[in-house]
């Protein structure tokens, strides 16, 4: 016999046919010079045990499972990547060292998983690249880009890929005013701005500058929620905001949530009605915060003390 040891087995929870097939094939392969062992992928039933006992045949080797294990994978022990690096970096690394796969690690090089070229190729072919969920640094690195403004560490959004020359792109692809910039200090100040220009960086600069100039002060109750319920309409969109108990969180989505969180609101209930146009929803939310009455003002209108209206 020569070559590596090979286990021959049938299906899970093997019946008599499966076991006899594994024994017969193993016998044939061994006669042909291979090194094999008949195996069972599961416990033998009473019928199979009776048949083996009747013909005085040895029970096959028992396998618990045949799942791929790290010891079965050929890899360079000093080659691994962090789980947070872009998939492009993983591909470049495997290509550089002629690897078909590479271990993935997390904190303090603890094993996290394994990625192969096959999985990368499958993701490229079948993955949804219209939406991304990655870090700002990864995006800049993958695009070999230049940082103009620093955003949050994690970004989520829609991706537009246009294979045009710059001049054709400007003619064919319309970047309308739904692309907006919201700025805030998460401590009661927030602003919104839009900007248009032939070059995208210039448009972003204009929008950011406009948002910075349009900052408003939002008076929060206990630095976490708004003072009263309010509904504001902007175009065909309506946004309702309502104070919430501590620990509720920001019950909102999309641009409404973005504006609220950048303003520093931590607990609030919301409801969006009518059109879901992003810029209208953002503006409605901003106006709702802008038109909040202070607790002192509300107390004066109702002829009560601040403590009484807060309950």
C-alpha atoms as a PDB file:
ATOM      1  CA  UNK A   1       0.000   0.000   0.000  1.00  0.00           C
ATOM      2  CA  UNK A   2       1.087   3.555  -0.629  1.00  0.00           C
ATOM      3  CA  UNK A   3      -0.219   7.118  -0.371  1.00  0.00           C
ATOM      4  CA  UNK A   4      -2.086   8.915   2.381  1.00  0.00           C
ATOM      5  CA  UNK A   5      -4.665   7.124   4.482  1.00  0.00           C
ATOM      6  CA  UNK A   6      -8.167   7.569   3.034  1.00  0.00           C
ATOM      7  CA  UNK A   7     -11.423   7.047   4.929  1.00  0.00           C
ATOM      8  CA  UNK A   8     -14.250   5.621   2.824  1.00  0.00           C
ATOM      9  CA  UNK A   9     -17.795   6.105   4.114  1.00  0.00           C
ATOM     10  CA  UNK A  10     -21.385   6.498   3.003  1.00  0.00           C
ATOM     11  CA  UNK A  11     -24.102   8.876   4.123  1.00  0.00           C
ATOM     12  CA  UNK A  12     -24.948  10.026   7.659  1.00  0.00           C
ATOM     13  CA  UNK A  13     -26.854   7.628   9.937  1.00  0.00           C
ATOM     14  CA  UNK A  14     -25.698   4.747   7.737  1.00  0.00           C
ATOM     15  CA  UNK A  15     -27.876   1.755   6.896  1.00  0.00           C
ATOM     16  CA  UNK A  16     -26.648  -1.704   5.834  1.00  0.00           C
ATOM     17  CA  UNK A  17     -26.262  -0.727   2.165  1.00  0.00           C
ATOM     18  CA  UNK A  18     -24.080   2.250   3.098  1.00  0.00           C
ATOM     19  CA  UNK A  19     -21.813   0.198   5.365  1.00  0.00           C
ATOM     20  CA  UNK A  20     -21.480  -2.718   2.912  1.00  0.00           C
ATOM     21  CA  UNK A  21     -20.694  -0.263   0.125  1.00  0.00           C
ATOM     22  CA  UNK A  22     -17.922   1.376   2.175  1.00  0.00           C
ATOM     23  CA  UNK A  23     -16.421  -2.023   3.091  1.00  0.00           C
ATOM     24  CA  UNK A  24     -16.539  -3.262  -0.518  1.00  0.00           C
ATOM     25  CA  UNK A  25     -15.032  -0.096  -2.021  1.00  0.00           C
ATOM     26  CA  UNK A  26     -12.304   0.009   0.639  1.00  0.00           C
ATOM     27  CA  UNK A  27     -11.431  -3.629  -0.110  1.00  0.00           C
ATOM     28  CA  UNK A  28     -11.180  -2.883  -3.851  1.00  0.00           C
ATOM     29  CA  UNK A  29      -9.069   0.251  -3.364  1.00  0.00           C
ATOM     30  CA  UNK A  30      -6.674  -1.568  -1.055  1.00  0.00           C
ATOM     31  CA  UNK A  31      -6.250  -4.340  -3.646  1.00  0.00           C
ATOM     32  CA  UNK A  32      -5.378  -1.638  -6.162  1.00  0.00           C
ATOM     33  CA  UNK A  33      -2.589  -0.370  -3.925  1.00  0.00           C
ATOM     34  CA  UNK A  34      -4.296   2.410  -2.005  1.00  0.00           C
ATOM     35  CA  UNK A  35      -4.354   2.812   1.770  1.00  0.00           C
ATOM     36  CA  UNK A  36      -7.992   3.038   2.883  1.00  0.00           C
ATOM     37  CA  UNK A  37     -10.195   2.279   5.873  1.00  0.00           C
ATOM     38  CA  UNK A  38     -13.939   1.525   5.642  1.00  0.00           C
ATOM     39  CA  UNK A  39     -15.742   3.953   7.934  1.00  0.00           C
ATOM     40  CA  UNK A  40     -19.184   4.737   9.315  1.00  0.00           C
ATOM     41  CA  UNK A  41     -20.415   8.322   9.661  1.00  0.00           C
ATOM     42  CA  UNK A  42     -22.700   7.579  12.574  1.00  0.00           C
ATOM     43  CA  UNK A  43     -23.811   4.714  14.808  1.00  0.00           C
ATOM     44  CA  UNK A  44     -24.703   1.332  13.307  1.00  0.00           C
ATOM     45  CA  UNK A  45     -28.301   0.157  13.540  1.00  0.00           C
ATOM     46  CA  UNK A  46     -29.267  -3.317  14.835  1.00  0.00           C
ATOM     47  CA  UNK A  47     -29.817  -4.729  11.324  1.00  0.00           C
ATOM     48  CA  UNK A  48     -26.327  -3.743  10.181  1.00  0.00           C
ATOM     49  CA  UNK A  49     -24.734  -5.119  13.347  1.00  0.00           C
ATOM     50  CA  UNK A  50     -26.541  -8.427  12.803  1.00  0.00           C
ATOM     51  CA  UNK A  51     -25.350  -8.650   9.180  1.00  0.00           C
ATOM     52  CA  UNK A  52     -21.717  -7.943  10.119  1.00  0.00           C
ATOM     53  CA  UNK A  53     -21.847 -10.445  12.959  1.00  0.00           C
ATOM     54  CA  UNK A  54     -23.445 -13.128  10.737  1.00  0.00           C
ATOM     55  CA  UNK A  55     -20.701 -12.810   8.108  1.00  0.00           C
ATOM     56  CA  UNK A  56     -18.014 -12.338  10.769  1.00  0.00           C
ATOM     57  CA  UNK A  57     -17.044  -8.989   9.273  1.00  0.00           C
ATOM     58  CA  UNK A  58     -15.251  -6.357  11.309  1.00  0.00           C
ATOM     59  CA  UNK A  59     -17.192  -3.228  12.161  1.00  0.00           C
ATOM     60  CA  UNK A  60     -15.959  -0.181  10.201  1.00  0.00           C
ATOM     61  CA  UNK A  61     -14.075   2.664  11.840  1.00  0.00           C
ATOM     62  CA  UNK A  62     -16.436   5.189  13.461  1.00  0.00           C
ATOM     63  CA  UNK A  63     -16.187   8.851  12.366  1.00  0.00           C
ATOM     64  CA  UNK A  64     -17.849  11.553  14.457  1.00  0.00           C
ATOM     65  CA  UNK A  65     -17.941  14.010  11.537  1.00  0.00           C
ATOM     66  CA  UNK A  66     -15.987  14.974   8.444  1.00  0.00           C
ATOM     67  CA  UNK A  67     -16.063  18.746   8.855  1.00  0.00           C
ATOM     68  CA  UNK A  68     -12.982  20.671   7.751  1.00  0.00           C
ATOM     69  CA  UNK A  69     -10.603  21.348  10.647  1.00  0.00           C
ATOM     70  CA  UNK A  70      -7.691  23.731  10.918  1.00  0.00           C
ATOM     71  CA  UNK A  71      -5.228  20.824  10.955  1.00  0.00           C
ATOM     72  CA  UNK A  72      -6.584  19.768   7.552  1.00  0.00           C
ATOM     73  CA  UNK A  73      -5.920  23.168   5.972  1.00  0.00           C
ATOM     74  CA  UNK A  74      -2.566  23.931   4.391  1.00  0.00           C
ATOM     75  CA  UNK A  75      -1.580  27.470   5.354  1.00  0.00           C
ATOM     76  CA  UNK A  76       1.442  29.512   6.362  1.00  0.00           C
ATOM     77  CA  UNK A  77       1.384  29.721  10.127  1.00  0.00           C
ATOM     78  CA  UNK A  78       2.772  33.265  10.117  1.00  0.00           C
ATOM     79  CA  UNK A  79       0.172  34.524   7.608  1.00  0.00           C
ATOM     80  CA  UNK A  80      -3.128  35.864   8.928  1.00  0.00           C
ATOM     81  CA  UNK A  81      -5.331  38.945   8.667  1.00  0.00           C
ATOM     82  CA  UNK A  82      -7.455  40.930  11.086  1.00  0.00           C
ATOM     83  CA  UNK A  83     -11.234  40.544  10.722  1.00  0.00           C
ATOM     84  CA  UNK A  84     -11.706  44.291  10.190  1.00  0.00           C
ATOM     85  CA  UNK A  85      -9.471  44.693   7.123  1.00  0.00           C
ATOM     86  CA  UNK A  86     -11.111  45.151   3.689  1.00  0.00           C
ATOM     87  CA  UNK A  87     -11.703  42.015   1.626  1.00  0.00           C
ATOM     88  CA  UNK A  88      -9.455  43.576  -1.033  1.00  0.00           C
ATOM     89  CA  UNK A  89      -6.547  43.494   1.417  1.00  0.00           C
ATOM     90  CA  UNK A  90      -7.230  39.809   2.084  1.00  0.00           C
ATOM     91  CA  UNK A  91      -7.224  39.090  -1.649  1.00  0.00           C
ATOM     92  CA  UNK A  92      -3.996  41.054  -2.206  1.00  0.00           C
ATOM     93  CA  UNK A  93      -2.339  39.210   0.686  1.00  0.00           C
ATOM     94  CA  UNK A  94      -3.316  35.784  -0.654  1.00  0.00           C
ATOM     95  CA  UNK A  95      -2.199  36.760  -4.135  1.00  0.00           C
ATOM     96  CA  UNK A  96       1.159  38.027  -2.858  1.00  0.00           C
ATOM     97  CA  UNK A  97       1.976  34.792  -1.029  1.00  0.00           C
ATOM     98  CA  UNK A  98       0.233  32.421  -3.497  1.00  0.00           C
ATOM     99  CA  UNK A  99      -2.305  31.279  -0.888  1.00  0.00           C
ATOM    100  CA  UNK A 100      -5.721  29.752  -1.534  1.00  0.00           C
ATOM    101  CA  UNK A 101      -6.979  30.808   1.876  1.00  0.00           C
ATOM    102  CA  UNK A 102      -5.958  32.600   5.037  1.00  0.00           C
ATOM    103  CA  UNK A 103      -6.909  32.497   8.747  1.00  0.00           C
ATOM    104  CA  UNK A 104      -8.774  35.495  10.162  1.00  0.00           C
ATOM    105  CA  UNK A 105      -8.056  36.737  13.692  1.00  0.00           C
ATOM    106  CA  UNK A 106      -9.626  39.224  16.097  1.00  0.00           C
ATOM    107  CA  UNK A 107      -8.401  40.784  19.352  1.00  0.00           C
ATOM    108  CA  UNK A 108      -4.906  39.666  20.402  1.00  0.00           C
ATOM    109  CA  UNK A 109      -4.653  37.371  17.357  1.00  0.00           C
ATOM    110  CA  UNK A 110      -7.422  35.081  18.576  1.00  0.00           C
ATOM    111  CA  UNK A 111      -8.670  32.793  15.806  1.00  0.00           C
ATOM    112  CA  UNK A 112     -11.929  34.096  14.319  1.00  0.00           C
ATOM    113  CA  UNK A 113     -12.453  32.219  11.044  1.00  0.00           C
ATOM    114  CA  UNK A 114     -11.041  31.366   7.653  1.00  0.00           C
ATOM    115  CA  UNK A 115     -11.504  33.008   4.252  1.00  0.00           C
ATOM    116  CA  UNK A 116     -10.667  31.374   0.929  1.00  0.00           C
ATOM    117  CA  UNK A 117     -10.254  32.665  -2.620  1.00  0.00           C
ATOM    118  CA  UNK A 118     -13.365  30.686  -3.523  1.00  0.00           C
ATOM    119  CA  UNK A 119     -15.415  32.625  -0.964  1.00  0.00           C
ATOM    120  CA  UNK A 120     -13.988  35.933  -2.169  1.00  0.00           C
ATOM    121  CA  UNK A 121     -14.869  35.080  -5.773  1.00  0.00           C
ATOM    122  CA  UNK A 122     -18.397  34.018  -4.774  1.00  0.00           C
ATOM    123  CA  UNK A 123     -18.943  37.276  -2.883  1.00  0.00           C
ATOM    124  CA  UNK A 124     -17.732  39.310  -5.861  1.00  0.00           C
ATOM    125  CA  UNK A 125     -20.140  37.495  -8.201  1.00  0.00           C
ATOM    126  CA  UNK A 126     -23.212  37.218  -5.978  1.00  0.00           C
ATOM    127  CA  UNK A 127     -22.680  39.922  -3.310  1.00  0.00           C
ATOM    128  CA  UNK A 128     -24.821  43.029  -2.919  1.00  0.00           C
ATOM    129  CA  UNK A 129     -22.478  45.938  -3.610  1.00  0.00           C
ATOM    130  CA  UNK A 130     -25.211  48.560  -3.774  1.00  0.00           C
ATOM    131  CA  UNK A 131     -25.028  48.786  -0.007  1.00  0.00           C
ATOM    132  CA  UNK A 132     -21.991  48.872   2.233  1.00  0.00           C
ATOM    133  CA  UNK A 133     -21.344  48.525   5.930  1.00  0.00           C
ATOM    134  CA  UNK A 134     -17.706  49.286   6.620  1.00  0.00           C
ATOM    135  CA  UNK A 135     -15.378  51.757   8.259  1.00  0.00           C
ATOM    136  CA  UNK A 136     -14.404  55.116   6.849  1.00  0.00           C
ATOM    137  CA  UNK A 137     -10.737  54.077   6.875  1.00  0.00           C
ATOM    138  CA  UNK A 138     -11.448  50.883   4.923  1.00  0.00           C
ATOM    139  CA  UNK A 139     -13.318  52.834   2.263  1.00  0.00           C
ATOM    140  CA  UNK A 140     -10.496  55.346   1.838  1.00  0.00           C
ATOM    141  CA  UNK A 141      -7.900  52.535   1.711  1.00  0.00           C
ATOM    142  CA  UNK A 142      -9.776  50.408  -0.830  1.00  0.00           C
ATOM    143  CA  UNK A 143     -10.440  53.353  -3.141  1.00  0.00           C
ATOM    144  CA  UNK A 144      -6.897  54.658  -2.639  1.00  0.00           C
ATOM    145  CA  UNK A 145      -8.640  57.923  -1.874  1.00  0.00           C
ATOM    146  CA  UNK A 146      -7.883  61.098   0.025  1.00  0.00           C
ATOM    147  CA  UNK A 147      -9.660  62.154   3.223  1.00  0.00           C
ATOM    148  CA  UNK A 148     -11.468  65.488   2.875  1.00  0.00           C
ATOM    149  CA  UNK A 149     -13.842  65.365   5.843  1.00  0.00           C
ATOM    150  CA  UNK A 150     -13.801  62.940   8.774  1.00  0.00           C
ATOM    151  CA  UNK A 151     -17.061  61.107   9.366  1.00  0.00           C
ATOM    152  CA  UNK A 152     -18.085  58.554  11.983  1.00  0.00           C
ATOM    153  CA  UNK A 153     -15.884  55.464  12.219  1.00  0.00           C
ATOM    154  CA  UNK A 154     -18.606  53.172  10.920  1.00  0.00           C
ATOM    155  CA  UNK A 155     -20.546  54.181   7.798  1.00  0.00           C
ATOM    156  CA  UNK A 156     -23.535  52.636   6.111  1.00  0.00           C
ATOM    157  CA  UNK A 157     -25.076  53.797   2.883  1.00  0.00           C
ATOM    158  CA  UNK A 158     -25.812  53.324  -0.799  1.00  0.00           C
ATOM    159  CA  UNK A 159     -23.057  53.003  -3.359  1.00  0.00           C
ATOM    160  CA  UNK A 160     -23.317  54.383  -6.884  1.00  0.00           C
ATOM    161  CA  UNK A 161     -20.825  53.021  -9.426  1.00  0.00           C
ATOM    162  CA  UNK A 162     -20.743  54.911 -12.747  1.00  0.00           C
ATOM    163  CA  UNK A 163     -18.352  53.841 -15.519  1.00  0.00           C
ATOM    164  CA  UNK A 164     -18.231  57.176 -17.324  1.00  0.00           C
ATOM    165  CA  UNK A 165     -15.642  59.789 -18.182  1.00  0.00           C
ATOM    166  CA  UNK A 166     -15.981  62.775 -15.842  1.00  0.00           C
ATOM    167  CA  UNK A 167     -17.752  64.927 -18.440  1.00  0.00           C
ATOM    168  CA  UNK A 168     -20.219  62.148 -19.332  1.00  0.00           C
ATOM    169  CA  UNK A 169     -20.802  61.386 -15.662  1.00  0.00           C
ATOM    170  CA  UNK A 170     -21.855  64.979 -14.991  1.00  0.00           C
ATOM    171  CA  UNK A 171     -24.271  64.815 -17.932  1.00  0.00           C
ATOM    172  CA  UNK A 172     -25.765  61.376 -17.285  1.00  0.00           C
ATOM    173  CA  UNK A 173     -25.801  60.974 -13.503  1.00  0.00           C
ATOM    174  CA  UNK A 174     -27.987  63.351 -11.546  1.00  0.00           C
ATOM    175  CA  UNK A 175     -26.832  63.980  -7.986  1.00  0.00           C
ATOM    176  CA  UNK A 176     -29.807  65.860  -6.611  1.00  0.00           C
ATOM    177  CA  UNK A 177     -30.315  67.585  -3.277  1.00  0.00           C
ATOM    178  CA  UNK A 178     -31.149  64.343  -1.459  1.00  0.00           C
ATOM    179  CA  UNK A 179     -27.393  64.204  -0.885  1.00  0.00           C
ATOM    180  CA  UNK A 180     -27.152  66.348   2.229  1.00  0.00           C
ATOM    181  CA  UNK A 181     -24.757  66.951   5.093  1.00  0.00           C
ATOM    182  CA  UNK A 182     -25.874  67.045   8.717  1.00  0.00           C
ATOM    183  CA  UNK A 183     -23.419  68.218  11.379  1.00  0.00           C
ATOM    184  CA  UNK A 184     -23.775  68.272  15.140  1.00  0.00           C
ATOM    185  CA  UNK A 185     -21.837  68.080  18.405  1.00  0.00           C
ATOM    186  CA  UNK A 186     -24.201  65.546  20.048  1.00  0.00           C
ATOM    187  CA  UNK A 187     -24.578  68.093  22.869  1.00  0.00           C
ATOM    188  CA  UNK A 188     -27.497  70.205  21.671  1.00  0.00           C
ATOM    189  CA  UNK A 189     -26.215  71.732  18.437  1.00  0.00           C
ATOM    190  CA  UNK A 190     -27.149  70.501  14.973  1.00  0.00           C
ATOM    191  CA  UNK A 191     -27.298  71.894  11.441  1.00  0.00           C
ATOM    192  CA  UNK A 192     -28.197  70.814   7.918  1.00  0.00           C
ATOM    193  CA  UNK A 193     -26.882  71.942   4.559  1.00  0.00           C
ATOM    194  CA  UNK A 194     -26.915  71.059   0.867  1.00  0.00           C
ATOM    195  CA  UNK A 195     -24.409  71.893  -1.811  1.00  0.00           C
ATOM    196  CA  UNK A 196     -24.098  71.536  -5.562  1.00  0.00           C
ATOM    197  CA  UNK A 197     -20.970  71.729  -7.692  1.00  0.00           C
ATOM    198  CA  UNK A 198     -19.466  70.059 -10.732  1.00  0.00           C
ATOM    199  CA  UNK A 199     -16.901  68.326  -8.545  1.00  0.00           C
ATOM    200  CA  UNK A 200     -18.169  66.118  -5.705  1.00  0.00           C
ATOM    201  CA  UNK A 201     -15.557  67.318  -3.137  1.00  0.00           C
ATOM    202  CA  UNK A 202     -16.648  70.908  -3.811  1.00  0.00           C
ATOM    203  CA  UNK A 203     -20.293  69.935  -3.334  1.00  0.00           C
ATOM    204  CA  UNK A 204     -19.479  68.261  -0.009  1.00  0.00           C
ATOM    205  CA  UNK A 205     -17.508  71.310   1.126  1.00  0.00           C
ATOM    206  CA  UNK A 206     -20.394  73.622   0.270  1.00  0.00           C
ATOM    207  CA  UNK A 207     -22.927  71.415   2.047  1.00  0.00           C
ATOM    208  CA  UNK A 208     -20.745  71.109   5.140  1.00  0.00           C
ATOM    209  CA  UNK A 209     -20.130  74.852   5.259  1.00  0.00           C
ATOM    210  CA  UNK A 210     -23.865  75.525   4.879  1.00  0.00           C
ATOM    211  CA  UNK A 211     -24.688  73.064   7.653  1.00  0.00           C
ATOM    212  CA  UNK A 212     -22.117  74.677   9.960  1.00  0.00           C
ATOM    213  CA  UNK A 213     -23.617  78.129   9.329  1.00  0.00           C
ATOM    214  CA  UNK A 214     -27.147  76.855  10.018  1.00  0.00           C
ATOM    215  CA  UNK A 215     -26.486  75.359  13.448  1.00  0.00           C
ATOM    216  CA  UNK A 216     -29.355  75.576  15.925  1.00  0.00           C
ATOM    217  CA  UNK A 217     -29.411  75.116  19.690  1.00  0.00           C
ATOM    218  CA  UNK A 218     -31.660  72.353  20.964  1.00  0.00           C
ATOM    219  CA  UNK A 219     -32.737  72.523  24.594  1.00  0.00           C
ATOM    220  CA  UNK A 220     -32.913  68.987  25.940  1.00  0.00           C
ATOM    221  CA  UNK A 221     -34.596  67.817  29.112  1.00  0.00           C
ATOM    222  CA  UNK A 222     -31.976  66.205  31.368  1.00  0.00           C
ATOM    223  CA  UNK A 223     -29.650  66.240  28.335  1.00  0.00           C
ATOM    224  CA  UNK A 224     -31.505  63.327  26.760  1.00  0.00           C
ATOM    225  CA  UNK A 225     -35.047  64.053  25.454  1.00  0.00           C
ATOM    226  CA  UNK A 226     -37.241  66.816  24.004  1.00  0.00           C
ATOM    227  CA  UNK A 227     -39.628  68.911  26.079  1.00  0.00           C
ATOM    228  CA  UNK A 228     -42.926  68.240  24.296  1.00  0.00           C
ATOM    229  CA  UNK A 229     -44.634  66.432  21.430  1.00  0.00           C
ATOM    230  CA  UNK A 230     -44.528  68.162  18.042  1.00  0.00           C
ATOM    231  CA  UNK A 231     -45.421  67.405  14.428  1.00  0.00           C
ATOM    232  CA  UNK A 232     -43.791  69.322  11.557  1.00  0.00           C
ATOM    233  CA  UNK A 233     -44.525  69.198   7.842  1.00  0.00           C
ATOM    234  CA  UNK A 234     -41.919  69.746   5.140  1.00  0.00           C
ATOM    235  CA  UNK A 235     -43.179  69.360   1.588  1.00  0.00           C
ATOM    236  CA  UNK A 236     -45.125  66.110   1.457  1.00  0.00           C
ATOM    237  CA  UNK A 237     -43.311  64.714   4.499  1.00  0.00           C
ATOM    238  CA  UNK A 238     -44.425  64.912   8.126  1.00  0.00           C
ATOM    239  CA  UNK A 239     -42.404  63.988  11.185  1.00  0.00           C
ATOM    240  CA  UNK A 240     -43.810  63.543  14.685  1.00  0.00           C
ATOM    241  CA  UNK A 241     -41.520  63.614  17.734  1.00  0.00           C
ATOM    242  CA  UNK A 242     -42.557  62.733  21.275  1.00  0.00           C
ATOM    243  CA  UNK A 243     -40.618  62.775  24.577  1.00  0.00           C
ATOM    244  CA  UNK A 244     -39.680  59.360  25.936  1.00  0.00           C
ATOM    245  CA  UNK A 245     -38.647  57.861  29.264  1.00  0.00           C
ATOM    246  CA  UNK A 246     -35.005  57.370  30.092  1.00  0.00           C
ATOM    247  CA  UNK A 247     -33.597  54.234  28.478  1.00  0.00           C
ATOM    248  CA  UNK A 248     -36.065  54.250  25.592  1.00  0.00           C
ATOM    249  CA  UNK A 249     -33.420  55.156  23.018  1.00  0.00           C
ATOM    250  CA  UNK A 250     -33.937  56.915  19.701  1.00  0.00           C
ATOM    251  CA  UNK A 251     -36.938  55.205  18.107  1.00  0.00           C
ATOM    252  CA  UNK A 252     -36.405  56.509  14.600  1.00  0.00           C
ATOM    253  CA  UNK A 253     -34.717  55.573  11.364  1.00  0.00           C
ATOM    254  CA  UNK A 254     -33.021  57.102   8.342  1.00  0.00           C
ATOM    255  CA  UNK A 255     -32.414  60.870   8.249  1.00  0.00           C
ATOM    256  CA  UNK A 256     -34.719  61.428  11.247  1.00  0.00           C
ATOM    257  CA  UNK A 257     -32.447  59.319  13.430  1.00  0.00           C
ATOM    258  CA  UNK A 258     -29.311  60.950  12.009  1.00  0.00           C
ATOM    259  CA  UNK A 259     -30.481  64.463  12.906  1.00  0.00           C
ATOM    260  CA  UNK A 260     -31.699  63.445  16.369  1.00  0.00           C
ATOM    261  CA  UNK A 261     -28.493  61.629  17.322  1.00  0.00           C
ATOM    262  CA  UNK A 262     -26.227  64.424  16.063  1.00  0.00           C
ATOM    263  CA  UNK A 263     -28.298  66.851  18.156  1.00  0.00           C
ATOM    264  CA  UNK A 264     -27.634  64.726  21.229  1.00  0.00           C
ATOM    265  CA  UNK A 265     -31.155  63.326  21.697  1.00  0.00           C
ATOM    266  CA  UNK A 266     -30.936  59.994  23.513  1.00  0.00           C
ATOM    267  CA  UNK A 267     -34.582  59.127  24.235  1.00  0.00           C
ATOM    268  CA  UNK A 268     -37.411  59.960  21.834  1.00  0.00           C
ATOM    269  CA  UNK A 269     -40.344  58.417  19.994  1.00  0.00           C
ATOM    270  CA  UNK A 270     -40.962  59.347  16.367  1.00  0.00           C
ATOM    271  CA  UNK A 271     -43.249  58.639  13.466  1.00  0.00           C
ATOM    272  CA  UNK A 272     -42.751  59.546   9.799  1.00  0.00           C
ATOM    273  CA  UNK A 273     -45.802  60.197   7.660  1.00  0.00           C
ATOM    274  CA  UNK A 274     -46.341  60.981   3.999  1.00  0.00           C
ATOM    275  CA  UNK A 275     -43.413  61.133   1.596  1.00  0.00           C
ATOM    276  CA  UNK A 276     -40.100  59.512   2.572  1.00  0.00           C
ATOM    277  CA  UNK A 277     -37.976  62.054   0.694  1.00  0.00           C
ATOM    278  CA  UNK A 278     -34.780  62.153   2.729  1.00  0.00           C
ATOM    279  CA  UNK A 279     -34.074  65.858   2.638  1.00  0.00           C
ATOM    280  CA  UNK A 280     -37.673  66.743   3.587  1.00  0.00           C
ATOM    281  CA  UNK A 281     -37.590  64.298   6.496  1.00  0.00           C
ATOM    282  CA  UNK A 282     -34.266  65.723   7.684  1.00  0.00           C
ATOM    283  CA  UNK A 283     -35.519  69.294   7.425  1.00  0.00           C
ATOM    284  CA  UNK A 284     -38.779  68.437   9.188  1.00  0.00           C
ATOM    285  CA  UNK A 285     -36.825  66.860  12.049  1.00  0.00           C
ATOM    286  CA  UNK A 286     -34.529  69.874  12.285  1.00  0.00           C
ATOM    287  CA  UNK A 287     -37.524  72.255  12.370  1.00  0.00           C
ATOM    288  CA  UNK A 288     -39.212  70.123  15.013  1.00  0.00           C
ATOM    289  CA  UNK A 289     -36.148  70.513  17.219  1.00  0.00           C
ATOM    290  CA  UNK A 290     -35.866  74.209  16.375  1.00  0.00           C
ATOM    291  CA  UNK A 291     -39.484  74.836  17.386  1.00  0.00           C
ATOM    292  CA  UNK A 292     -39.227  73.104  20.749  1.00  0.00           C
ATOM    293  CA  UNK A 293     -40.427  75.337  23.563  1.00  0.00           C
ATOM    294  CA  UNK A 294     -38.333  75.484  26.708  1.00  0.00           C
ATOM    295  CA  UNK A 295     -39.787  74.005  29.909  1.00  0.00           C
ATOM    296  CA  UNK A 296     -39.918  77.523  31.388  1.00  0.00           C
ATOM    297  CA  UNK A 297     -41.922  78.798  28.399  1.00  0.00           C
ATOM    298  CA  UNK A 298     -44.386  75.896  28.567  1.00  0.00           C
ATOM    299  CA  UNK A 299     -44.776  76.343  32.326  1.00  0.00           C
ATOM    300  CA  UNK A 300     -45.532  80.058  31.870  1.00  0.00           C
ATOM    301  CA  UNK A 301     -48.167  79.321  29.192  1.00  0.00           C
ATOM    302  CA  UNK A 302     -49.873  76.764  31.442  1.00  0.00           C
ATOM    303  CA  UNK A 303     -49.542  78.767  34.636  1.00  0.00           C
ATOM    304  CA  UNK A 304     -47.546  76.036  36.319  1.00  0.00           C
ATOM    305  CA  UNK A 305     -44.058  75.510  37.646  1.00  0.00           C
ATOM    306  CA  UNK A 306     -41.389  73.648  35.683  1.00  0.00           C
ATOM    307  CA  UNK A 307     -41.493  70.816  38.228  1.00  0.00           C
ATOM    308  CA  UNK A 308     -45.270  70.452  37.728  1.00  0.00           C
ATOM    309  CA  UNK A 309     -45.082  70.102  33.934  1.00  0.00           C
ATOM    310  CA  UNK A 310     -42.257  67.597  34.238  1.00  0.00           C
ATOM    311  CA  UNK A 311     -44.448  65.510  36.500  1.00  0.00           C
END
